[in-house]
């Protein structure tokens, strides 16, 4: 490429257009990466909530078994416990479609 073409208005316009396209492509890639990151965070949060519910159920079962065993060892009838309410489930954040604003 010769120097006169490099400094020509056409070449300068082409470089500006290339740079604008590159910026738009980078912006799109960043938006897609951000959307994917949010999807992963939502999945991780859902998995965490499921594990917390399972852990709560296991703790309740262990507690009931321990009380029944202690009562049996003391020669008393096992206590009749009504299960406490499960911990409240937080509402998940609204999901946004990729490419939407907000």
N, C-alpha and C. Protein backbone atom coordinates (compact mmCIF):
# COMPACT_ATOMS: atom_id res chain seq x y z
N UNK A 1 0.86 -1.17 0.00
CA UNK A 1 0.00 0.00 0.00
C UNK A 1 0.91 1.23 0.00
N UNK A 2 0.61 2.15 -0.89
CA UNK A 2 1.48 3.32 -0.94
C UNK A 2 1.00 4.39 0.03
N UNK A 3 1.89 5.32 0.31
CA UNK A 3 1.63 6.33 1.32
C UNK A 3 0.50 7.27 0.92
N UNK A 4 0.39 7.57 -0.37
CA UNK A 4 -0.66 8.49 -0.81
C UNK A 4 -2.04 7.88 -0.59
N UNK A 5 -2.19 6.57 -0.80
CA UNK A 5 -3.49 5.93 -0.56
C UNK A 5 -3.80 5.92 0.94
N UNK A 6 -2.79 5.64 1.76
CA UNK A 6 -2.98 5.55 3.21
C UNK A 6 -3.55 6.85 3.76
N UNK A 7 -3.12 7.98 3.21
CA UNK A 7 -3.58 9.29 3.69
C UNK A 7 -4.78 9.81 2.92
N UNK A 8 -5.28 9.05 1.97
CA UNK A 8 -6.41 9.52 1.16
C UNK A 8 -7.69 9.53 1.99
N UNK A 9 -8.66 10.36 1.59
CA UNK A 9 -9.94 10.40 2.31
C UNK A 9 -10.65 9.05 2.31
N UNK A 10 -10.55 8.29 1.21
CA UNK A 10 -11.20 6.99 1.15
C UNK A 10 -10.60 6.03 2.18
N UNK A 11 -9.28 6.05 2.28
CA UNK A 11 -8.61 5.16 3.24
C UNK A 11 -8.96 5.56 4.67
N UNK A 12 -9.02 6.86 4.93
CA UNK A 12 -9.37 7.32 6.28
C UNK A 12 -10.81 6.91 6.62
N UNK A 13 -11.73 7.06 5.64
CA UNK A 13 -13.12 6.65 5.86
C UNK A 13 -13.20 5.15 6.14
N UNK A 14 -12.44 4.39 5.38
CA UNK A 14 -12.44 2.93 5.57
C UNK A 14 -11.95 2.57 6.96
N UNK A 15 -10.91 3.25 7.43
CA UNK A 15 -10.40 2.96 8.78
C UNK A 15 -11.43 3.33 9.85
N UNK A 16 -12.10 4.46 9.66
CA UNK A 16 -13.13 4.88 10.62
C UNK A 16 -14.27 3.86 10.64
N UNK A 17 -14.71 3.43 9.45
CA UNK A 17 -15.78 2.43 9.39
C UNK A 17 -15.35 1.12 10.03
N UNK A 18 -14.12 0.69 9.77
CA UNK A 18 -13.61 -0.53 10.40
C UNK A 18 -13.62 -0.40 11.91
N UNK A 19 -13.20 0.75 12.39
CA UNK A 19 -13.15 0.95 13.84
C UNK A 19 -14.57 0.97 14.42
N UNK A 20 -15.54 1.55 13.70
CA UNK A 20 -16.92 1.57 14.19
C UNK A 20 -17.50 0.16 14.21
N UNK A 21 -17.24 -0.62 13.18
CA UNK A 21 -17.73 -1.99 13.13
C UNK A 21 -17.10 -2.80 14.26
N UNK A 22 -15.80 -2.61 14.47
CA UNK A 22 -15.12 -3.33 15.54
C UNK A 22 -15.72 -2.97 16.89
N UNK A 23 -16.02 -1.69 17.11
CA UNK A 23 -16.61 -1.27 18.38
C UNK A 23 -17.99 -1.90 18.56
N UNK A 24 -18.78 -1.94 17.47
CA UNK A 24 -20.11 -2.54 17.56
C UNK A 24 -20.00 -4.04 17.84
N UNK A 25 -19.06 -4.70 17.19
CA UNK A 25 -18.86 -6.13 17.43
C UNK A 25 -18.44 -6.38 18.88
N UNK A 26 -17.54 -5.54 19.39
CA UNK A 26 -17.12 -5.69 20.79
C UNK A 26 -18.30 -5.49 21.73
N UNK A 27 -19.13 -4.49 21.42
CA UNK A 27 -20.30 -4.22 22.25
C UNK A 27 -21.24 -5.42 22.26
N UNK A 28 -21.49 -5.99 21.07
CA UNK A 28 -22.36 -7.17 20.99
C UNK A 28 -21.78 -8.34 21.77
N UNK A 29 -20.48 -8.55 21.62
CA UNK A 29 -19.84 -9.65 22.34
C UNK A 29 -19.94 -9.45 23.85
N UNK A 30 -19.75 -8.21 24.30
CA UNK A 30 -19.85 -7.92 25.73
C UNK A 30 -21.28 -8.15 26.23
N UNK A 31 -22.27 -7.75 25.44
CA UNK A 31 -23.67 -7.97 25.84
C UNK A 31 -23.97 -9.46 25.94
N UNK A 32 -23.50 -10.22 24.95
CA UNK A 32 -23.73 -11.66 24.97
C UNK A 32 -23.04 -12.30 26.17
N UNK A 33 -21.81 -11.87 26.45
CA UNK A 33 -21.09 -12.42 27.60
C UNK A 33 -21.80 -12.06 28.90
N UNK A 34 -22.31 -10.83 28.99
CA UNK A 34 -23.05 -10.42 30.18
C UNK A 34 -24.31 -11.23 30.37
N UNK A 35 -25.03 -11.48 29.28
CA UNK A 35 -26.26 -12.28 29.36
C UNK A 35 -25.94 -13.71 29.79
N UNK A 36 -24.87 -14.28 29.25
CA UNK A 36 -24.47 -15.64 29.63
C UNK A 36 -24.07 -15.68 31.11
N UNK A 37 -23.37 -14.66 31.56
CA UNK A 37 -22.96 -14.59 32.98
C UNK A 37 -24.21 -14.53 33.87
N UNK A 38 -25.21 -13.74 33.49
CA UNK A 38 -26.43 -13.65 34.29
C UNK A 38 -27.15 -15.00 34.32
N UNK A 39 -27.20 -15.70 33.18
CA UNK A 39 -27.84 -17.03 33.16
C UNK A 39 -27.12 -17.97 34.12
N UNK A 40 -25.80 -17.92 34.11
CA UNK A 40 -25.04 -18.79 35.02
C UNK A 40 -25.30 -18.43 36.48
N UNK A 41 -25.37 -17.13 36.78
CA UNK A 41 -25.66 -16.72 38.15
C UNK A 41 -27.04 -17.19 38.59
N UNK A 42 -28.03 -17.08 37.70
CA UNK A 42 -29.38 -17.52 38.04
C UNK A 42 -29.43 -19.03 38.27
N UNK A 43 -28.71 -19.79 37.44
CA UNK A 43 -28.66 -21.24 37.64
C UNK A 43 -27.99 -21.58 38.96
N UNK A 44 -26.89 -20.91 39.26
CA UNK A 44 -26.18 -21.17 40.51
C UNK A 44 -27.07 -20.82 41.71
N UNK A 45 -27.83 -19.74 41.60
CA UNK A 45 -28.72 -19.35 42.69
C UNK A 45 -29.83 -20.38 42.87
N UNK A 46 -30.38 -20.87 41.77
CA UNK A 46 -31.43 -21.90 41.85
C UNK A 46 -30.88 -23.17 42.48
N UNK A 47 -29.66 -23.55 42.10
CA UNK A 47 -29.04 -24.75 42.69
C UNK A 47 -28.80 -24.55 44.18
N UNK A 48 -28.36 -23.35 44.56
CA UNK A 48 -28.11 -23.07 45.98
C UNK A 48 -29.41 -23.17 46.78
N UNK A 49 -30.49 -22.60 46.23
CA UNK A 49 -31.78 -22.67 46.94
C UNK A 49 -32.25 -24.11 47.09
N UNK A 50 -32.08 -24.91 46.05
CA UNK A 50 -32.49 -26.32 46.13
C UNK A 50 -31.67 -27.05 47.19
N UNK A 51 -30.37 -26.76 47.24
CA UNK A 51 -29.52 -27.41 48.24
C UNK A 51 -29.90 -26.97 49.65
N UNK A 52 -30.25 -25.68 49.82
CA UNK A 52 -30.66 -25.20 51.14
C UNK A 52 -31.95 -25.89 51.60
N UNK A 53 -32.89 -26.08 50.67
CA UNK A 53 -34.14 -26.76 51.03
C UNK A 53 -33.86 -28.21 51.42
N UNK A 54 -32.99 -28.86 50.65
CA UNK A 54 -32.65 -30.25 50.96
C UNK A 54 -31.95 -30.34 52.32
N UNK A 55 -31.04 -29.41 52.57
CA UNK A 55 -30.33 -29.39 53.85
C UNK A 55 -31.31 -29.17 55.01
N UNK A 56 -32.27 -28.28 54.80
CA UNK A 56 -33.27 -28.02 55.84
C UNK A 56 -34.07 -29.29 56.14
N UNK A 57 -34.49 -29.99 55.09
CA UNK A 57 -35.26 -31.22 55.27
C UNK A 57 -34.42 -32.28 56.01
N UNK A 58 -33.14 -32.38 55.65
CA UNK A 58 -32.27 -33.35 56.34
C UNK A 58 -32.10 -32.99 57.81
N UNK A 59 -31.92 -31.71 58.09
CA UNK A 59 -31.75 -31.29 59.49
C UNK A 59 -33.01 -31.60 60.30
N UNK A 60 -34.16 -31.37 59.69
CA UNK A 60 -35.42 -31.66 60.39
C UNK A 60 -35.54 -33.16 60.66
N UNK A 61 -35.20 -33.98 59.68
CA UNK A 61 -35.28 -35.43 59.86
C UNK A 61 -34.31 -35.90 60.94
N UNK A 62 -33.11 -35.35 60.93
CA UNK A 62 -32.11 -35.73 61.95
C UNK A 62 -32.60 -35.30 63.33
N UNK A 63 -33.15 -34.09 63.42
CA UNK A 63 -33.66 -33.61 64.70
C UNK A 63 -34.79 -34.48 65.24
N UNK A 64 -35.71 -34.88 64.38
CA UNK A 64 -36.82 -35.74 64.81
C UNK A 64 -36.30 -37.09 65.26
N UNK A 65 -35.34 -37.63 64.51
CA UNK A 65 -34.77 -38.94 64.89
C UNK A 65 -34.06 -38.84 66.23
N UNK A 66 -33.33 -37.76 66.43
CA UNK A 66 -32.61 -37.59 67.70
C UNK A 66 -33.59 -37.46 68.86
N UNK A 67 -34.67 -36.70 68.68
CA UNK A 67 -35.66 -36.57 69.75
C UNK A 67 -36.32 -37.90 70.05
N UNK A 68 -36.64 -38.65 69.02
CA UNK A 68 -37.27 -39.96 69.22
C UNK A 68 -36.32 -40.88 69.97
N UNK A 69 -35.05 -40.87 69.62
CA UNK A 69 -34.06 -41.72 70.28
C UNK A 69 -33.89 -41.32 71.74
N UNK A 70 -33.80 -40.02 72.00
CA UNK A 70 -33.67 -39.55 73.39
C UNK A 70 -34.90 -39.93 74.21
N UNK A 71 -36.07 -39.79 73.63
CA UNK A 71 -37.30 -40.16 74.34
C UNK A 71 -37.32 -41.65 74.64
N UNK A 72 -36.89 -42.44 73.67
CA UNK A 72 -36.86 -43.90 73.85
C UNK A 72 -35.89 -44.26 74.97
N UNK A 73 -34.73 -43.59 74.98
CA UNK A 73 -33.72 -43.87 76.01
C UNK A 73 -34.24 -43.47 77.39
N UNK A 74 -35.06 -42.43 77.45
CA UNK A 74 -35.61 -41.97 78.72
C UNK A 74 -36.87 -42.74 79.11
N UNK A 75 -37.33 -43.63 78.23
CA UNK A 75 -38.52 -44.41 78.52
C UNK A 75 -39.81 -43.65 78.32
N UNK A 76 -39.77 -42.57 77.59
CA UNK A 76 -40.97 -41.77 77.32
C UNK A 76 -41.45 -42.04 75.90
N UNK A 77 -42.72 -41.78 75.66
CA UNK A 77 -43.20 -41.92 74.28
C UNK A 77 -42.57 -40.81 73.41
N UNK A 78 -42.33 -41.10 72.14
CA UNK A 78 -41.71 -40.08 71.29
C UNK A 78 -42.62 -38.86 71.16
N UNK A 79 -42.05 -37.68 71.15
CA UNK A 79 -42.87 -36.47 71.05
C UNK A 79 -43.51 -36.37 69.66
N UNK A 80 -44.71 -35.82 69.65
CA UNK A 80 -45.40 -35.59 68.38
C UNK A 80 -45.19 -34.13 67.99
N UNK A 81 -44.29 -33.93 67.08
CA UNK A 81 -43.96 -32.57 66.65
C UNK A 81 -44.59 -32.28 65.30
N UNK A 82 -45.17 -31.11 65.22
CA UNK A 82 -45.65 -30.70 63.89
C UNK A 82 -44.47 -30.02 63.21
N UNK A 83 -44.29 -30.30 61.95
CA UNK A 83 -43.12 -29.71 61.28
C UNK A 83 -43.27 -28.20 61.15
N UNK A 84 -42.19 -27.47 61.41
CA UNK A 84 -42.25 -26.02 61.25
C UNK A 84 -42.33 -25.69 59.76
N UNK A 85 -42.81 -24.50 59.45
CA UNK A 85 -42.90 -24.14 58.03
C UNK A 85 -41.50 -24.07 57.41
N UNK A 86 -41.44 -24.40 56.15
CA UNK A 86 -40.17 -24.34 55.42
C UNK A 86 -39.74 -22.88 55.31
N UNK A 87 -38.44 -22.65 55.17
CA UNK A 87 -37.99 -21.26 55.03
C UNK A 87 -38.60 -20.64 53.78
N UNK A 88 -38.87 -19.33 53.82
CA UNK A 88 -39.50 -18.69 52.66
C UNK A 88 -38.58 -18.75 51.44
N UNK A 89 -39.21 -18.93 50.31
CA UNK A 89 -38.45 -18.98 49.06
C UNK A 89 -38.41 -17.58 48.47
N UNK A 90 -37.20 -17.02 48.29
CA UNK A 90 -37.13 -15.67 47.71
C UNK A 90 -37.55 -15.71 46.24
N UNK A 91 -38.17 -14.64 45.81
CA UNK A 91 -38.56 -14.58 44.41
C UNK A 91 -37.33 -14.31 43.56
N UNK A 92 -37.18 -15.05 42.47
CA UNK A 92 -36.00 -14.84 41.63
C UNK A 92 -36.09 -13.49 40.92
N UNK A 93 -34.94 -12.91 40.59
CA UNK A 93 -34.96 -11.63 39.89
C UNK A 93 -35.54 -11.83 38.49
N UNK A 94 -36.14 -10.77 37.94
CA UNK A 94 -36.70 -10.92 36.59
C UNK A 94 -35.59 -11.20 35.59
N UNK A 95 -35.90 -12.04 34.63
CA UNK A 95 -34.90 -12.35 33.61
C UNK A 95 -35.09 -11.41 32.44
N UNK A 96 -34.00 -11.04 31.84
CA UNK A 96 -34.02 -10.15 30.69
C UNK A 96 -33.61 -10.93 29.46
N UNK A 97 -34.25 -10.65 28.38
CA UNK A 97 -33.87 -11.29 27.12
C UNK A 97 -32.54 -10.71 26.66
N UNK A 98 -31.68 -11.55 26.06
CA UNK A 98 -30.40 -11.03 25.55
C UNK A 98 -30.65 -9.90 24.55
N UNK A 99 -29.89 -8.86 24.71
CA UNK A 99 -30.00 -7.73 23.79
C UNK A 99 -31.01 -6.69 24.23
N UNK A 100 -31.81 -6.97 25.28
CA UNK A 100 -32.77 -5.98 25.73
C UNK A 100 -32.10 -5.03 26.69
N UNK A 101 -32.68 -3.88 26.83
CA UNK A 101 -32.12 -2.87 27.73
C UNK A 101 -32.76 -3.07 29.09
N UNK A 102 -31.94 -2.95 30.14
CA UNK A 102 -32.54 -3.03 31.46
C UNK A 102 -31.93 -3.98 32.35
